[in-house]
Structure formats: C-alpha cells, structure tokens
C-alpha atoms as a PDB file:
ATOM      1  CA  MET A   1       0.000   0.000   0.000  1.00  0.00           C
ATOM      2  CA  SER A   2       1.219   3.434  -0.866  1.00  0.00           C
ATOM      3  CA  PRO A   3       2.060   5.957   1.862  1.00  0.00           C
ATOM      4  CA  GLN A   4      -0.449   8.294   0.210  1.00  0.00           C
ATOM      5  CA  LEU A   5      -3.289   5.787   0.679  1.00  0.00           C
ATOM      6  CA  ARG A   6      -2.269   5.198   4.318  1.00  0.00           C
ATOM      7  CA  ALA A   7      -2.438   8.974   4.866  1.00  0.00           C
ATOM      8  CA  ILE A   8      -5.892   9.109   3.266  1.00  0.00           C
ATOM      9  CA  LEU A   9      -7.115   6.247   5.479  1.00  0.00           C
ATOM     10  CA  GLU A  10      -5.803   8.073   8.564  1.00  0.00           C
ATOM     11  CA  GLN A  11      -7.737  11.186   7.488  1.00  0.00           C
ATOM     12  CA  LEU A  12     -10.902   9.143   6.849  1.00  0.00           C
ATOM     13  CA  VAL A  13     -10.758   7.973  10.457  1.00  0.00           C
ATOM     14  CA  SER A  14      -9.803  11.233  12.182  1.00  0.00           C
ATOM     15  CA  ALA A  15     -11.349  14.033  10.103  1.00  0.00           C
ATOM     16  CA  PRO A  16     -15.012  13.212   9.328  1.00  0.00           C
ATOM     17  CA  PRO A  17     -17.288  14.235  12.213  1.00  0.00           C
ATOM     18  CA  HIS A  18     -18.872  10.829  12.870  1.00  0.00           C
ATOM     19  CA  PRO A  19     -15.759   8.632  13.313  1.00  0.00           C
ATOM     20  CA  ALA A  20     -13.925  11.515  14.992  1.00  0.00           C
ATOM     21  CA  ALA A  21     -16.738  12.003  17.529  1.00  0.00           C
ATOM     22  CA  LEU A  22     -16.756   8.275  18.269  1.00  0.00           C
ATOM     23  CA  GLY A  23     -12.969   8.295  18.730  1.00  0.00           C
ATOM     24  CA  PHE A  24     -12.099   5.705  16.088  1.00  0.00           C
ATOM     25  CA  ARG A  25      -8.410   4.859  15.768  1.00  0.00           C
ATOM     26  CA  LEU A  26      -6.765   3.192  12.787  1.00  0.00           C
ATOM     27  CA  GLY A  27      -4.663   0.155  13.644  1.00  0.00           C
ATOM     28  CA  ALA A  28      -3.106  -2.404  11.328  1.00  0.00           C
ATOM     29  CA  VAL A  29      -3.486  -1.963   7.581  1.00  0.00           C
ATOM     30  CA  ASP A  30      -2.132  -4.777   5.440  1.00  0.00           C
ATOM     31  CA  ASP A  31      -2.935  -6.982   2.452  1.00  0.00           C
ATOM     32  CA  ASP A  32      -5.481  -8.929   4.507  1.00  0.00           C
ATOM     33  CA  GLY A  33      -7.491  -5.932   5.656  1.00  0.00           C
ATOM     34  CA  VAL A  34      -7.857  -3.198   8.229  1.00  0.00           C
ATOM     35  CA  THR A  35      -8.136  -3.015  12.012  1.00  0.00           C
ATOM     36  CA  LEU A  36     -10.057  -0.132  13.538  1.00  0.00           C
ATOM     37  CA  ALA A  37     -10.679   0.500  17.255  1.00  0.00           C
ATOM     38  CA  VAL A  38     -13.065   2.505  19.383  1.00  0.00           C
ATOM     39  CA  PRO A  39     -12.170   3.129  23.020  1.00  0.00           C
ATOM     40  CA  TRP A  40     -14.756   2.545  25.714  1.00  0.00           C
ATOM     41  CA  ARG A  41     -16.200   5.863  26.854  1.00  0.00           C
ATOM     42  CA  GLU A  42     -19.091   6.526  29.173  1.00  0.00           C
ATOM     43  CA  ASP A  43     -20.830   8.712  26.581  1.00  0.00           C
ATOM     44  CA  LEU A  44     -20.865   5.758  24.137  1.00  0.00           C
ATOM     45  CA  VAL A  45     -22.643   3.434  26.571  1.00  0.00           C
ATOM     46  CA  GLY A  46     -26.050   2.185  25.451  1.00  0.00           C
ATOM     47  CA  ASP A  47     -27.243   0.915  28.837  1.00  0.00           C
ATOM     48  CA  PRO A  48     -26.022   2.886  31.871  1.00  0.00           C
ATOM     49  CA  GLU A  49     -26.905   0.015  34.221  1.00  0.00           C
ATOM     50  CA  THR A  50     -24.521  -2.412  32.493  1.00  0.00           C
ATOM     51  CA  GLY A  51     -21.946  -0.029  31.003  1.00  0.00           C
ATOM     52  CA  VAL A  52     -22.083  -1.844  27.646  1.00  0.00           C
ATOM     53  CA  LEU A  53     -21.274   0.130  24.490  1.00  0.00           C
ATOM     54  CA  ALA A  54     -24.274   0.980  22.323  1.00  0.00           C
ATOM     55  CA  GLY A  55     -24.871  -1.386  19.406  1.00  0.00           C
ATOM     56  CA  GLY A  56     -24.846   1.560  17.013  1.00  0.00           C
ATOM     57  CA  VAL A  57     -21.230   2.271  17.940  1.00  0.00           C
ATOM     58  CA  VAL A  58     -20.274  -1.298  17.023  1.00  0.00           C
ATOM     59  CA  SER A  59     -22.284  -1.030  13.774  1.00  0.00           C
ATOM     60  CA  ALA A  60     -20.562   2.206  12.805  1.00  0.00           C
ATOM     61  CA  LEU A  61     -17.151   0.725  13.662  1.00  0.00           C
ATOM     62  CA  LEU A  62     -17.743  -2.354  11.496  1.00  0.00           C
ATOM     63  CA  ASP A  63     -19.160  -0.351   8.574  1.00  0.00           C
ATOM     64  CA  HIS A  64     -16.192   2.020   8.641  1.00  0.00           C
ATOM     65  CA  ALA A  65     -13.665  -0.829   8.918  1.00  0.00           C
ATOM     66  CA  CYS A  66     -15.298  -2.556   5.950  1.00  0.00           C
ATOM     67  CA  GLY A  67     -15.102   0.592   3.827  1.00  0.00           C
ATOM     68  CA  LEU A  68     -11.435   1.102   4.705  1.00  0.00           C
ATOM     69  CA  ALA A  69     -10.774  -2.539   3.793  1.00  0.00           C
ATOM     70  CA  VAL A  70     -12.274  -1.936   0.335  1.00  0.00           C
ATOM     71  CA  TRP A  71      -9.959   1.024  -0.316  1.00  0.00           C
ATOM     72  CA  THR A  72      -7.020  -1.040   0.913  1.00  0.00           C
ATOM     73  CA  ALA A  73      -7.889  -3.894  -1.474  1.00  0.00           C
ATOM     74  CA  LEU A  74      -8.264  -1.454  -4.372  1.00  0.00           C
ATOM     75  CA  ASP A  75      -5.039   0.317  -3.331  1.00  0.00           C
ATOM     76  CA  THR A  76      -6.712   3.604  -4.211  1.00  0.00           C
ATOM     77  CA  PHE A  77      -9.314   5.991  -2.872  1.00  0.00           C
ATOM     78  CA  GLN A  78     -12.535   6.318  -4.832  1.00  0.00           C
ATOM     79  CA  PRO A  79     -16.210   6.796  -4.017  1.00  0.00           C
ATOM     80  CA  ILE A  80     -17.829   3.640  -2.642  1.00  0.00           C
ATOM     81  CA  ALA A  81     -21.249   2.932  -1.161  1.00  0.00           C
ATOM     82  CA  THR A  82     -22.481   0.308   1.256  1.00  0.00           C
ATOM     83  CA  LEU A  83     -24.988  -1.790  -0.706  1.00  0.00           C
ATOM     84  CA  ASP A  84     -25.703  -4.367   1.960  1.00  0.00           C
ATOM     85  CA  MET A  85     -24.447  -5.018   5.459  1.00  0.00           C
ATOM     86  CA  ARG A  86     -25.457  -7.753   7.857  1.00  0.00           C
ATOM     87  CA  ILE A  87     -24.226  -7.703  11.434  1.00  0.00           C
ATOM     88  CA  ASP A  88     -24.740 -10.608  13.789  1.00  0.00           C
ATOM     89  CA  TYR A  89     -24.361  -9.553  17.411  1.00  0.00           C
ATOM     90  CA  LEU A  90     -22.928 -12.510  19.300  1.00  0.00           C
ATOM     91  CA  ARG A  91     -22.548 -11.054  22.784  1.00  0.00           C
ATOM     92  CA  ALA A  92     -22.226  -7.738  24.621  1.00  0.00           C
ATOM     93  CA  ALA A  93     -18.805  -6.115  24.692  1.00  0.00           C
ATOM     94  CA  GLU A  94     -17.259  -6.039  28.141  1.00  0.00           C
ATOM     95  CA  PRO A  95     -17.757  -2.687  29.875  1.00  0.00           C
ATOM     96  CA  GLY A  96     -14.592  -0.633  30.110  1.00  0.00           C
ATOM     97  CA  LYS A  97     -12.859  -2.336  27.176  1.00  0.00           C
ATOM     98  CA  ALA A  98     -12.093  -0.950  23.735  1.00  0.00           C
ATOM     99  CA  VAL A  99     -13.708  -2.722  20.800  1.00  0.00           C
ATOM    100  CA  LEU A 100     -11.614  -3.610  17.755  1.00  0.00           C
ATOM    101  CA  ALA A 101     -12.934  -4.402  14.298  1.00  0.00           C
ATOM    102  CA  ARG A 102     -10.984  -6.349  11.687  1.00  0.00           C
ATOM    103  CA  ALA A 103     -12.359  -6.445   8.129  1.00  0.00           C
ATOM    104  CA  GLY A 104     -11.039  -7.691   4.816  1.00  0.00           C
ATOM    105  CA  VAL A 105     -12.205  -8.060   1.243  1.00  0.00           C
ATOM    106  CA  PHE A 106     -12.697 -11.715   0.295  1.00  0.00           C
ATOM    107  CA  ARG A 107     -13.998 -11.187  -3.255  1.00  0.00           C
ATOM    108  CA  LEU A 108     -13.655  -8.275  -5.622  1.00  0.00           C
ATOM    109  CA  THR A 109     -15.583  -7.974  -8.875  1.00  0.00           C
ATOM    110  CA  ARG A 110     -15.725  -5.191 -11.453  1.00  0.00           C
ATOM    111  CA  SER A 111     -18.436  -3.374  -9.531  1.00  0.00           C
ATOM    112  CA  ILE A 112     -18.781  -4.913  -6.055  1.00  0.00           C
ATOM    113  CA  ALA A 113     -16.428  -5.625  -3.159  1.00  0.00           C
ATOM    114  CA  PHE A 114     -17.497  -8.351  -0.713  1.00  0.00           C
ATOM    115  CA  VAL A 115     -16.191  -7.922   2.821  1.00  0.00           C
ATOM    116  CA  ARG A 116     -16.187  -9.973   6.032  1.00  0.00           C
ATOM    117  CA  GLY A 117     -15.104  -9.002   9.487  1.00  0.00           C
ATOM    118  CA  VAL A 118     -15.463  -9.316  13.234  1.00  0.00           C
ATOM    119  CA  ALA A 119     -15.535  -6.995  16.221  1.00  0.00           C
ATOM    120  CA  HIS A 120     -14.060  -8.104  19.545  1.00  0.00           C
ATOM    121  CA  ASP A 121     -12.946  -6.682  22.860  1.00  0.00           C
ATOM    122  CA  GLY A 122      -9.576  -8.384  23.124  1.00  0.00           C
ATOM    123  CA  ASP A 123      -9.943 -11.916  21.789  1.00  0.00           C
ATOM    124  CA  PRO A 124     -10.719 -12.318  18.059  1.00  0.00           C
ATOM    125  CA  GLU A 125     -11.759 -15.921  18.801  1.00  0.00           C
ATOM    126  CA  ASP A 126     -14.569 -14.598  21.057  1.00  0.00           C
ATOM    127  CA  PRO A 127     -16.182 -11.945  18.846  1.00  0.00           C
ATOM    128  CA  VAL A 128     -18.748  -9.392  19.904  1.00  0.00           C
ATOM    129  CA  ALA A 129     -20.172  -9.248  16.372  1.00  0.00           C
ATOM    130  CA  ALA A 130     -19.580 -10.559  12.861  1.00  0.00           C
ATOM    131  CA  VAL A 131     -20.216  -8.616   9.645  1.00  0.00           C
ATOM    132  CA  GLN A 132     -20.638  -9.427   5.996  1.00  0.00           C
ATOM    133  CA  ALA A 133     -21.083  -6.541   3.570  1.00  0.00           C
ATOM    134  CA  ALA A 134     -21.129  -5.593  -0.092  1.00  0.00           C
ATOM    135  CA  PHE A 135     -19.877  -2.267  -1.419  1.00  0.00           C
ATOM    136  CA  MET A 136     -20.506  -0.692  -4.824  1.00  0.00           C
ATOM    137  CA  LEU A 137     -17.381   0.623  -6.528  1.00  0.00           C
ATOM    138  CA  ASP A 138     -16.137   2.026  -9.797  1.00  0.00           C
ATOM    139  CA  SER A 139     -15.997  -0.866 -12.271  1.00  0.00           C
ATOM    140  CA  ASP A 140     -12.643   0.115 -13.801  1.00  0.00           C
ATOM    141  CA  ALA A 141     -10.887   0.294 -10.426  1.00  0.00           C
ATOM    142  CA  GLY A 142     -12.441  -3.017  -9.379  1.00  0.00           C
ATOM    143  CA  ARG A 143     -11.229  -4.685 -12.568  1.00  0.00           C
ATOM    144  CA  ARG A 144      -7.671  -3.402 -12.105  1.00  0.00           C
ATOM    145  CA  ALA A 145      -7.475  -4.403  -8.424  1.00  0.00           C
ATOM    146  CA  GLY A 146      -9.283  -7.705  -8.950  1.00  0.00           C
ATOM    147  CA  ALA A 147      -6.565  -8.899 -11.302  1.00  0.00           C
ATOM    148  CA  ASN A 148      -4.142  -8.955  -8.353  1.00  0.00           C
ATOM    149  CA  LEU A 149      -6.453  -9.925  -5.486  1.00  0.00           C
ATOM    150  CA  LYS A 150      -6.576 -13.495  -4.262  1.00  0.00           C
ATOM    151  CA  ASP A 151      -9.591 -14.820  -2.387  1.00  0.00           C
ATOM    152  CA  ALA A 152      -8.875 -14.535   1.327  1.00  0.00           C
ATOM    153  CA  GLN A 153     -10.682 -14.223   4.603  1.00  0.00           C
ATOM    154  CA  PRO A 154      -9.957 -11.548   7.209  1.00  0.00           C
END
C-alpha cells in the first residue's frame, strides 16, 4: 500500500465528524485488511446500568472498517457505497474495554467488493459481532485491483 493511501485512510478515520466524535483509531493496515478500534467511553454506553457500548457504535465501527478494507484492497481511494451489510451480534462487549474491528475483502468484482469481518474486545476468537457486507465501486478500479487480489478471509 502506498504511503499516500495510508495517509488518506488516517484522514478518513480522524477528520469526518462521525468517526472523529466516536474516537475511532486506525490500527493495522495490510494486504489482509484493516483493524479499527473505538475506546470505551461513558458517553458511548447504550445501557447505563450495564456499562455496555451501544450497538450503534459497534455497527458504525464495522461499517467504517469494511469501507477502509475496500480502499485497501483497491489500493486507491474512490467513491464507494455500502450496498448491503449484515451484522450478527454474538454477545455484549465487556464494559470498560475498547472494541476492535478487523475487516477484509474476500472477493472483488468489477463493480462490487465483498467484505467480512469481526468486532471483539480483546480476543478475536470470542467476537462481539460478525459482519458481511457488499460495497458498490467504480468498475474500472475493481477490474484493475481484482486482477491482483486473491480470495482470502480476514
């Protein structure tokens, strides 16, 4: 991945109001995908009695990680749109712990990127949620990137 794309990904996490307000932080970016984190904060709690992060925070984290994974697979920034996203919530995140999302493109066509990922609070083998999504992309960029992308799972 080019240093320019890494810089763009950093800006897409820190500059837009939504991910910036939630406190997203970019972690690992490699050929297999992207890791994004959100720290636990009291103002992000969905149920004050339990201290568990709101489900919408986890949804936003997974959606954003998936989008970043698409740009990483394409090795370029271009407009994309979430066509479909399914999130299975497996358990509540532990109060007081950051939640990490890891997403990667497993299939890239001329016009659609298919992404899978998980969110966890410290152990990827014990996920909080799992995601599968499809993103619309520019067909020429998808064709160019797809020639070099092997099928892989995040």
